[in-house]
Amino acid sequence: MINQKVQKLLSTMSLKDKIGQLVQFGKLEQREIELIKNGKVGSLLNVYGAERVNEIQKIAMESGASIPLLIGDDVIHGYKTIFPIPLGESCSWDLQLIEETSAIQAREASTEGINVIFAPMVDIARDPRWGRVAEGAGEDVYLGSKIAAARVKGIQRNDWSDRPKIVACPKHFIGYSAAEGGRDYNSVDISERSLRETYLPPFKAAIDAGAGTIMCAFNDLNGVPASANKFLLTTLLRDELKFEGVVISDWESIEELIYHGLAKNKRDAAIKAMNAGVDIDMNSSSYNDHLMELVQAGDFSVDLIDEVVTRILKLKIKLGLFDNAITDIKLCNEIIRCEEHVKKAREAARKSIVLLKNNNILPLNKNIKSIAVIGPLADDKSNPLGCWSFKGKPENVITVLRGISNKVSNITEIYHTRGSGILESEESEIQKAVEIARKSEVAIMVLGESSDMSGENHNRSSIGIPECQRKLIGEVLKTGTPMVLVLMNGRPITLVSENDTVTAILETWQLGDESGNAIADVLFGDYNPSGKLVMSFPRNVGQVPIYYNYKSTGRPNFKKYLDVDETPLYPFGYGLSYTNFSYKNMVLEKHKITQDESLRVTIEIENCGLVEGEEIVQLYIRDLVASITRPVKELKGFQKIFLKPGECRTIEFILKHEELGFYDENFNFIVETGEFEIWIGTSSVEGLKSGFEVVK
């Protein structure tokens, strides 16, 4: 039925109409409106509001070939209900939650006419200097792939029938996160093995989950920019991964082939991008300006244009745009920021928090007599929204100060001062901070990064807490008042001195609208923190890149640095709780399995503490001897469980064939015979250990 409809549409379309479907613009002014009327635009982004979108869809449907527009938007961690930044929410390791929050952001966006969401970002990120680590799921391939699939499923849940559907657009294909020096847009030079083993799996998971579009990357990869890289976009993406959807360039990345030095001009750039496999040109106008003349000159056949247009029309049909591209404006008020969505934002925020240190001070008593709440982010309503929260409103944000005020009893005296700017010291404020800390039982320091210190093109060469805030910490520490450091940031940061000196540290990331309520829930014990890190925290920036699943060298016991321990300060998978969990009785069903068998493993987990809590149980393996060197550890399973005090539960893992294999020297997937080590534990560095062997 869809194919028949596409063929009927193609038969009525002029070449101008067809080329228009390949053109996307990121603004809507009179020029763009005239192009839409003339059938020269197939999609838009940065067009906001149901009324405006409905208006422009009517113009498109009444013009040219009467084909509705794709309306795209960067909905990264919420539309108008803002959830934690993706790096933070990934620390929940809660796939059901992540799928649900993704579904909510799509549900809200759909009420205002959005039908393509430029998310999730599935780039594996191992350099915290890179600002866009905030948008992803961290350093691990296995976890990142699971989260990629969950986000795509959520975005494309489409649990409504009264408006157009929504499609996800995983990005950035591919290798973007490996930019040299953590400098955004920079060159990438990685081996094909790294490409296939590290950076490709989350995209495969997203495609297997049904992703309908893919965005290619800004960077060049091994000398060929992604937007002109036929190996990536055709050989790898279409031929091998069998992706049948639409490939969209990143913002003006086709024109940027000129600045890479690969294309002479926009005409040349259009040729290279089309030949590589880019279907839609985002905002560079290269296709709009030159495809017609290129077809007429014989550089491209009409058949190639028809092939690309067919993919785009199929997508528009599947989204229901031909049935009704108009949304009911009343839905906006009914759905956007409804009670259910705000409640879910608080749950997501709580589950994203990672307890990094606790020297018997947390949780705090709600009847505490006095608290000093100090820091430039303590009563800030903008920065908790994080990067890429364009439609979030500061007035919807619950600050930490407000959250604490809502939580404590009426006998608690709360003192507050900024203490410092985010980047600049304020001497009078430091003195105020010292004064209120002296008369308080605890000082809660809310410090870290502003929202614009991470995100696209917001990279840092030094990733510690800004010096003015470190100075504030030092002065308040002199009072002797116990200190709880509440961190807001969009990346892993260096915390050696803070870890050595403060009483407790909460990593809260940038949690969105419900920041203050969620942080107060954890500070005062209404929620037991359960988050686990998805990126390792280096001791200093000189260790970068640092990640848990590195490969052994020929001299593994030699020191890596003369001036710092080689280990991270906080490793992947790490996170404390207000209770203690005991791991015992790890049992492997077999100690020898064949190459096509699965292995059943069980372990008992007991809550040995006094409060209920969630634990993220993690399973790692190591292939000890292989034809291709393997990492010292690889995550291959996890479960998040809830246990009451004294409760003990046996949980089961099934290690499957695909989790034991790797790509051989010819990039064929194999499972080799040999010995494996296996760990189950609370982080990548703690756990019970056993072993098994794979035999023929």
Foldseek 3Di string as FASTA:
>chain_A
DLVVVLVVLVVQADPQLLLQLQEEAADDDPVVLVCLQANNHAEYEPQWFQVRQQVSQVSNLVHHSRHGHAYEYAQQAAAAFGFFQQQLLLLLLDLVLLLQSLLQRLLLVQQNLHAEHADDALFAAQAQLQQASSRAHYHALQSSLSSLLSNQCSNQVQPDDQAFGHAYAYDEQWDQNQAPPSFHLHEEEDDVQCCVPGICNSVLSNVVSPGQEYEYDLYAYNLRGRLLAQCRQPVPVCVPSVHLHAYAYPALSLQCCVVSVNAVGLQRSVLSNLVSHHLHYYRNCSSVVHVVVCCVVPSDDVVSSSSSSSRSSSVCVNRVVVVPSRHDNVVNVVRPPDPVSNVSSLVSLLSSKFWDAAQPCPQDALAFQEEEEEAQQQQFQAQLSAPPRVNYDSVLAQGQVNLSVVRHDPNHHYHYFHLQHQAGADVVRLVVSQVRLLVGQEYEYEHEDGRQCHDRSNGDSAFARHPNVVVSVVSNVVSVRAYEYEYEASGAHAQVVVVVRHRIYMDSYRTGSHNNNSVNCGNNVVAKHAGWRSHFHANTSVLPSDAQFAFADPCNPDAPDPPDHNGGPGHGLDGDTPWDKDKDDWDWPAQEAALQAKIKIKIKIATQGQAKHKAKKWKWKAFPDDQDTGTPIHTDDIDIDIDGHGDMDMDMDIGGNQSQWGAHPVGDIGHDWGKMKMFIDNGSVDGDIDIHTYDD
